Amino acid sequence: MKIEYGELILEAGERTIRPDIFAKVDGDAMPHLQARQCRDCGDISFPPFRYCLKCNGERETVVKVLSNEGALASYTIARQVMPGFNPDYILANVRMTDDPSLVLVAQLTDVKPEDVEIDMELTMIPKIIKTLMNGEKVVSYCFRPTDPARVSPGEGGQTE
């Protein structure tokens, strides 16, 4: 996986955790998450849903590219994990800047558990989170501290 001019480029043997969740934004060096927004009630869904689950509108939702910024709403340290994952990674609820009611579940990465604080500002970063039994690598969205002083590369996440 590499990022060039804001576009996520997968190498052979890599795939994203869900199709079409990353989008390129002109002028930004990082890819962004792609959600969908209801034309009727304005609700933002991520992962993206084709129709609104909030108002059950009949019109198709539209693509909404999210900012990469959010704040930590809550977290837990995963000690008992599914096969193939290492224990002690940080799983977080991240309240997105775009819409405070939009909360994403994601891994925190590049941060020591003792440095994690509720309401800390976070930035989304794509990372490889797992290698499947067939050798395929899975790229997902993770969050890390926005403050460079809190970033500890290689800490906290289930990333490779």
C-alpha atoms as a PDB file:
ATOM      1  CA  MET A   1       0.000   0.000   0.000  1.00  0.00           C
ATOM      2  CA  LYS A   2       1.184   3.466  -0.804  1.00  0.00           C
ATOM      3  CA  ILE A   3      -0.322   6.915  -0.944  1.00  0.00           C
ATOM      4  CA  GLU A   4       0.417   9.208  -3.862  1.00  0.00           C
ATOM      5  CA  TYR A   5      -1.092  12.682  -4.087  1.00  0.00           C
ATOM      6  CA  GLY A   6      -3.959  11.735  -1.821  1.00  0.00           C
ATOM      7  CA  GLU A   7      -4.812   8.501  -3.607  1.00  0.00           C
ATOM      8  CA  LEU A   8      -4.585   5.104  -1.927  1.00  0.00           C
ATOM      9  CA  ILE A   9      -2.788   2.696  -4.264  1.00  0.00           C
ATOM     10  CA  LEU A  10      -3.022  -0.988  -3.429  1.00  0.00           C
ATOM     11  CA  GLU A  11      -0.295  -3.394  -4.383  1.00  0.00           C
ATOM     12  CA  ALA A  12      -0.813  -6.975  -5.527  1.00  0.00           C
ATOM     13  CA  GLY A  13      -2.253  -9.066  -2.689  1.00  0.00           C
ATOM     14  CA  GLU A  14      -3.885  -6.127  -0.895  1.00  0.00           C
ATOM     15  CA  ARG A  15      -7.526  -5.102  -0.559  1.00  0.00           C
ATOM     16  CA  THR A  16      -9.525  -2.604   1.432  1.00  0.00           C
ATOM     17  CA  ILE A  17     -11.712  -3.800   4.283  1.00  0.00           C
ATOM     18  CA  ARG A  18     -14.755  -2.573   2.319  1.00  0.00           C
ATOM     19  CA  PRO A  19     -14.960  -1.506  -1.315  1.00  0.00           C
ATOM     20  CA  ASP A  20     -15.155   2.203  -2.130  1.00  0.00           C
ATOM     21  CA  ILE A  21     -14.505   3.614   1.343  1.00  0.00           C
ATOM     22  CA  PHE A  22     -11.490   5.749   0.412  1.00  0.00           C
ATOM     23  CA  ALA A  23     -11.693   8.832  -1.803  1.00  0.00           C
ATOM     24  CA  LYS A  24      -9.125  11.213  -3.237  1.00  0.00           C
ATOM     25  CA  VAL A  25      -9.546  14.905  -2.413  1.00  0.00           C
ATOM     26  CA  ASP A  26      -7.735  17.326  -4.690  1.00  0.00           C
ATOM     27  CA  GLY A  27      -5.093  19.285  -2.810  1.00  0.00           C
ATOM     28  CA  ASP A  28      -4.897  16.868   0.138  1.00  0.00           C
ATOM     29  CA  ALA A  29      -1.971  14.485   0.529  1.00  0.00           C
ATOM     30  CA  MET A  30      -4.080  11.856   2.336  1.00  0.00           C
ATOM     31  CA  PRO A  31      -7.088   9.879   1.125  1.00  0.00           C
ATOM     32  CA  HIS A  32     -10.398  10.526   2.878  1.00  0.00           C
ATOM     33  CA  LEU A  33     -13.224   8.271   3.962  1.00  0.00           C
ATOM     34  CA  GLN A  34     -16.212   8.136   1.647  1.00  0.00           C
ATOM     35  CA  ALA A  35     -19.626   8.064   3.286  1.00  0.00           C
ATOM     36  CA  ARG A  36     -23.133   8.670   1.938  1.00  0.00           C
ATOM     37  CA  GLN A  37     -25.631  11.349   2.883  1.00  0.00           C
ATOM     38  CA  CYS A  38     -29.418  11.256   2.769  1.00  0.00           C
ATOM     39  CA  ARG A  39     -31.006  13.766   0.388  1.00  0.00           C
ATOM     40  CA  ASP A  40     -34.103  13.961   2.582  1.00  0.00           C
ATOM     41  CA  CYS A  41     -32.948  14.153   6.220  1.00  0.00           C
ATOM     42  CA  GLY A  42     -29.215  14.874   5.771  1.00  0.00           C
ATOM     43  CA  ASP A  43     -28.067  11.888   7.854  1.00  0.00           C
ATOM     44  CA  ILE A  44     -24.533  10.711   7.052  1.00  0.00           C
ATOM     45  CA  SER A  45     -23.902   6.960   6.986  1.00  0.00           C
ATOM     46  CA  PHE A  46     -20.579   5.213   7.321  1.00  0.00           C
ATOM     47  CA  PRO A  47     -20.042   2.587   6.235  1.00  0.00           C
ATOM     48  CA  PRO A  48     -21.953   3.976   3.281  1.00  0.00           C
ATOM     49  CA  PHE A  49     -25.506   2.761   2.720  1.00  0.00           C
ATOM     50  CA  ARG A  50     -27.372   3.234  -0.541  1.00  0.00           C
ATOM     51  CA  TYR A  51     -30.614   4.190   1.202  1.00  0.00           C
ATOM     52  CA  CYS A  52     -31.116   6.076   4.454  1.00  0.00           C
ATOM     53  CA  LEU A  53     -31.537   3.909   7.533  1.00  0.00           C
ATOM     54  CA  LYS A  54     -32.648   6.862   9.657  1.00  0.00           C
ATOM     55  CA  CYS A  55     -35.671   8.178   7.722  1.00  0.00           C
ATOM     56  CA  ASN A  56     -36.155   5.228   5.346  1.00  0.00           C
ATOM     57  CA  GLY A  57     -36.223   7.671   2.441  1.00  0.00           C
ATOM     58  CA  GLU A  58     -36.908   6.202  -0.980  1.00  0.00           C
ATOM     59  CA  ARG A  59     -34.309   8.303  -2.796  1.00  0.00           C
ATOM     60  CA  GLU A  60     -30.755   7.042  -3.119  1.00  0.00           C
ATOM     61  CA  THR A  61     -28.212   8.666  -0.818  1.00  0.00           C
ATOM     62  CA  VAL A  62     -25.366  10.719  -2.329  1.00  0.00           C
ATOM     63  CA  VAL A  63     -21.612  10.383  -1.877  1.00  0.00           C
ATOM     64  CA  LYS A  64     -20.204  12.467   0.981  1.00  0.00           C
ATOM     65  CA  VAL A  65     -16.440  12.702   1.435  1.00  0.00           C
ATOM     66  CA  LEU A  66     -15.557  13.097   5.102  1.00  0.00           C
ATOM     67  CA  SER A  67     -12.797  15.166   6.619  1.00  0.00           C
ATOM     68  CA  ASN A  68     -10.053  13.106   8.236  1.00  0.00           C
ATOM     69  CA  GLU A  69     -10.559  14.737  11.620  1.00  0.00           C
ATOM     70  CA  GLY A  70     -12.389  13.543  14.689  1.00  0.00           C
ATOM     71  CA  ALA A  71     -12.252  13.360  18.472  1.00  0.00           C
ATOM     72  CA  LEU A  72     -12.036  10.327  20.727  1.00  0.00           C
ATOM     73  CA  ALA A  73     -15.462   9.639  22.254  1.00  0.00           C
ATOM     74  CA  SER A  74     -14.551   6.368  24.035  1.00  0.00           C
ATOM     75  CA  TYR A  75     -12.164   3.444  23.740  1.00  0.00           C
ATOM     76  CA  THR A  76     -11.263   0.015  25.015  1.00  0.00           C
ATOM     77  CA  ILE A  77      -8.144  -2.093  24.903  1.00  0.00           C
ATOM     78  CA  ALA A  78      -8.904  -5.400  23.183  1.00  0.00           C
ATOM     79  CA  ARG A  79      -7.373  -8.134  25.310  1.00  0.00           C
ATOM     80  CA  GLN A  80      -9.387 -11.084  23.971  1.00  0.00           C
ATOM     81  CA  VAL A  81      -9.404 -10.951  20.202  1.00  0.00           C
ATOM     82  CA  MET A  82     -10.482 -12.905  17.157  1.00  0.00           C
ATOM     83  CA  PRO A  83      -8.019 -15.410  15.694  1.00  0.00           C
ATOM     84  CA  GLY A  84      -5.342 -13.713  13.625  1.00  0.00           C
ATOM     85  CA  PHE A  85      -5.297 -10.525  15.696  1.00  0.00           C
ATOM     86  CA  ASN A  86      -2.784  -9.676  18.378  1.00  0.00           C
ATOM     87  CA  PRO A  87      -4.190  -8.698  21.779  1.00  0.00           C
ATOM     88  CA  ASP A  88      -3.839  -5.267  23.376  1.00  0.00           C
ATOM     89  CA  TYR A  89      -4.811  -3.053  20.465  1.00  0.00           C
ATOM     90  CA  ILE A  90      -6.947   0.020  21.096  1.00  0.00           C
ATOM     91  CA  LEU A  91     -10.454   0.052  19.653  1.00  0.00           C
ATOM     92  CA  ALA A  92     -12.054   3.504  19.595  1.00  0.00           C
ATOM     93  CA  ASN A  93     -15.292   5.338  18.969  1.00  0.00           C
ATOM     94  CA  VAL A  94     -14.347   8.457  17.016  1.00  0.00           C
ATOM     95  CA  ARG A  95     -16.783  11.382  16.798  1.00  0.00           C
ATOM     96  CA  MET A  96     -16.273  12.880  13.338  1.00  0.00           C
ATOM     97  CA  THR A  97     -15.806  16.636  12.887  1.00  0.00           C
ATOM     98  CA  ASP A  98     -18.194  16.605   9.884  1.00  0.00           C
ATOM     99  CA  ASP A  99     -21.152  15.685  12.053  1.00  0.00           C
ATOM    100  CA  PRO A 100     -20.852  15.124  15.828  1.00  0.00           C
ATOM    101  CA  SER A 101     -23.612  12.496  15.659  1.00  0.00           C
ATOM    102  CA  LEU A 102     -21.450  10.402  13.282  1.00  0.00           C
ATOM    103  CA  VAL A 103     -19.309   8.059  15.377  1.00  0.00           C
ATOM    104  CA  LEU A 104     -16.959   5.584  13.684  1.00  0.00           C
ATOM    105  CA  VAL A 105     -15.468   2.474  15.263  1.00  0.00           C
ATOM    106  CA  ALA A 106     -11.796   2.132  14.380  1.00  0.00           C
ATOM    107  CA  GLN A 107      -8.419   1.139  15.719  1.00  0.00           C
ATOM    108  CA  LEU A 108      -6.184   3.740  17.279  1.00  0.00           C
ATOM    109  CA  THR A 109      -2.636   3.453  16.068  1.00  0.00           C
ATOM    110  CA  ASP A 110       0.722   5.103  16.702  1.00  0.00           C
ATOM    111  CA  VAL A 111      -0.213   5.948  20.293  1.00  0.00           C
ATOM    112  CA  LYS A 112       0.682   4.391  23.637  1.00  0.00           C
ATOM    113  CA  PRO A 113      -2.319   3.327  25.759  1.00  0.00           C
ATOM    114  CA  GLU A 114      -1.200   5.595  28.590  1.00  0.00           C
ATOM    115  CA  ASP A 115      -1.281   8.616  26.226  1.00  0.00           C
ATOM    116  CA  VAL A 116      -4.899   8.071  25.162  1.00  0.00           C
ATOM    117  CA  GLU A 117      -7.386  10.670  26.452  1.00  0.00           C
ATOM    118  CA  ILE A 118     -11.086  11.169  25.841  1.00  0.00           C
ATOM    119  CA  ASP A 119     -11.710  14.131  23.474  1.00  0.00           C
ATOM    120  CA  MET A 120      -8.165  14.006  22.073  1.00  0.00           C
ATOM    121  CA  GLU A 121      -8.057  15.125  18.456  1.00  0.00           C
ATOM    122  CA  LEU A 122      -7.489  12.337  15.940  1.00  0.00           C
ATOM    123  CA  THR A 123      -6.646  12.053  12.249  1.00  0.00           C
ATOM    124  CA  MET A 124      -7.596   9.160   9.969  1.00  0.00           C
ATOM    125  CA  ILE A 125      -4.781   7.186   8.369  1.00  0.00           C
ATOM    126  CA  PRO A 126      -5.105   4.075   6.156  1.00  0.00           C
ATOM    127  CA  LYS A 127      -3.071   1.103   7.383  1.00  0.00           C
ATOM    128  CA  ILE A 128      -2.715  -2.614   6.835  1.00  0.00           C
ATOM    129  CA  ILE A 129      -4.504  -4.157   9.809  1.00  0.00           C
ATOM    130  CA  LYS A 130      -4.336  -7.874   9.066  1.00  0.00           C
ATOM    131  CA  THR A 131      -2.886 -10.542   6.826  1.00  0.00           C
ATOM    132  CA  LEU A 132      -5.421 -13.214   5.910  1.00  0.00           C
ATOM    133  CA  MET A 133      -4.624 -16.932   5.828  1.00  0.00           C
ATOM    134  CA  ASN A 134      -4.279 -16.740   2.035  1.00  0.00           C
ATOM    135  CA  GLY A 135      -1.604 -14.035   2.430  1.00  0.00           C
ATOM    136  CA  GLU A 136      -3.837 -11.171   1.322  1.00  0.00           C
ATOM    137  CA  LYS A 137      -3.330  -7.962   3.304  1.00  0.00           C
ATOM    138  CA  VAL A 138      -6.336  -5.947   4.486  1.00  0.00           C
ATOM    139  CA  VAL A 139      -6.153  -2.146   4.457  1.00  0.00           C
ATOM    140  CA  SER A 140      -8.502  -0.288   6.773  1.00  0.00           C
ATOM    141  CA  TYR A 141      -8.990   3.143   8.279  1.00  0.00           C
ATOM    142  CA  CYS A 142      -7.310   3.792  11.611  1.00  0.00           C
ATOM    143  CA  PHE A 143      -6.948   6.948  13.657  1.00  0.00           C
ATOM    144  CA  ARG A 144      -3.910   8.419  15.351  1.00  0.00           C
ATOM    145  CA  PRO A 145      -3.333  11.542  17.437  1.00  0.00           C
ATOM    146  CA  THR A 146      -3.374  14.790  15.470  1.00  0.00           C
ATOM    147  CA  ASP A 147      -0.794  16.237  17.882  1.00  0.00           C
ATOM    148  CA  PRO A 148       2.655  15.074  16.645  1.00  0.00           C
ATOM    149  CA  ALA A 149       3.920  15.064  20.254  1.00  0.00           C
ATOM    150  CA  ARG A 150       1.517  12.195  21.023  1.00  0.00           C
ATOM    151  CA  VAL A 151       2.406  10.072  17.992  1.00  0.00           C
ATOM    152  CA  SER A 152       4.462   6.962  18.813  1.00  0.00           C
ATOM    153  CA  PRO A 153       4.965   5.048  15.539  1.00  0.00           C
ATOM    154  CA  GLY A 154       4.187   1.344  15.809  1.00  0.00           C
ATOM    155  CA  GLU A 155       2.350   1.614  19.148  1.00  0.00           C
ATOM    156  CA  GLY A 156      -1.238   0.811  20.011  1.00  0.00           C
ATOM    157  CA  GLY A 157      -2.598  -0.611  16.783  1.00  0.00           C
ATOM    158  CA  GLN A 158      -3.120  -4.029  15.255  1.00  0.00           C
ATOM    159  CA  THR A 159      -1.172  -2.866  12.228  1.00  0.00           C
ATOM    160  CA  GLU A 160       1.770  -4.288  10.387  1.00  0.00           C
END
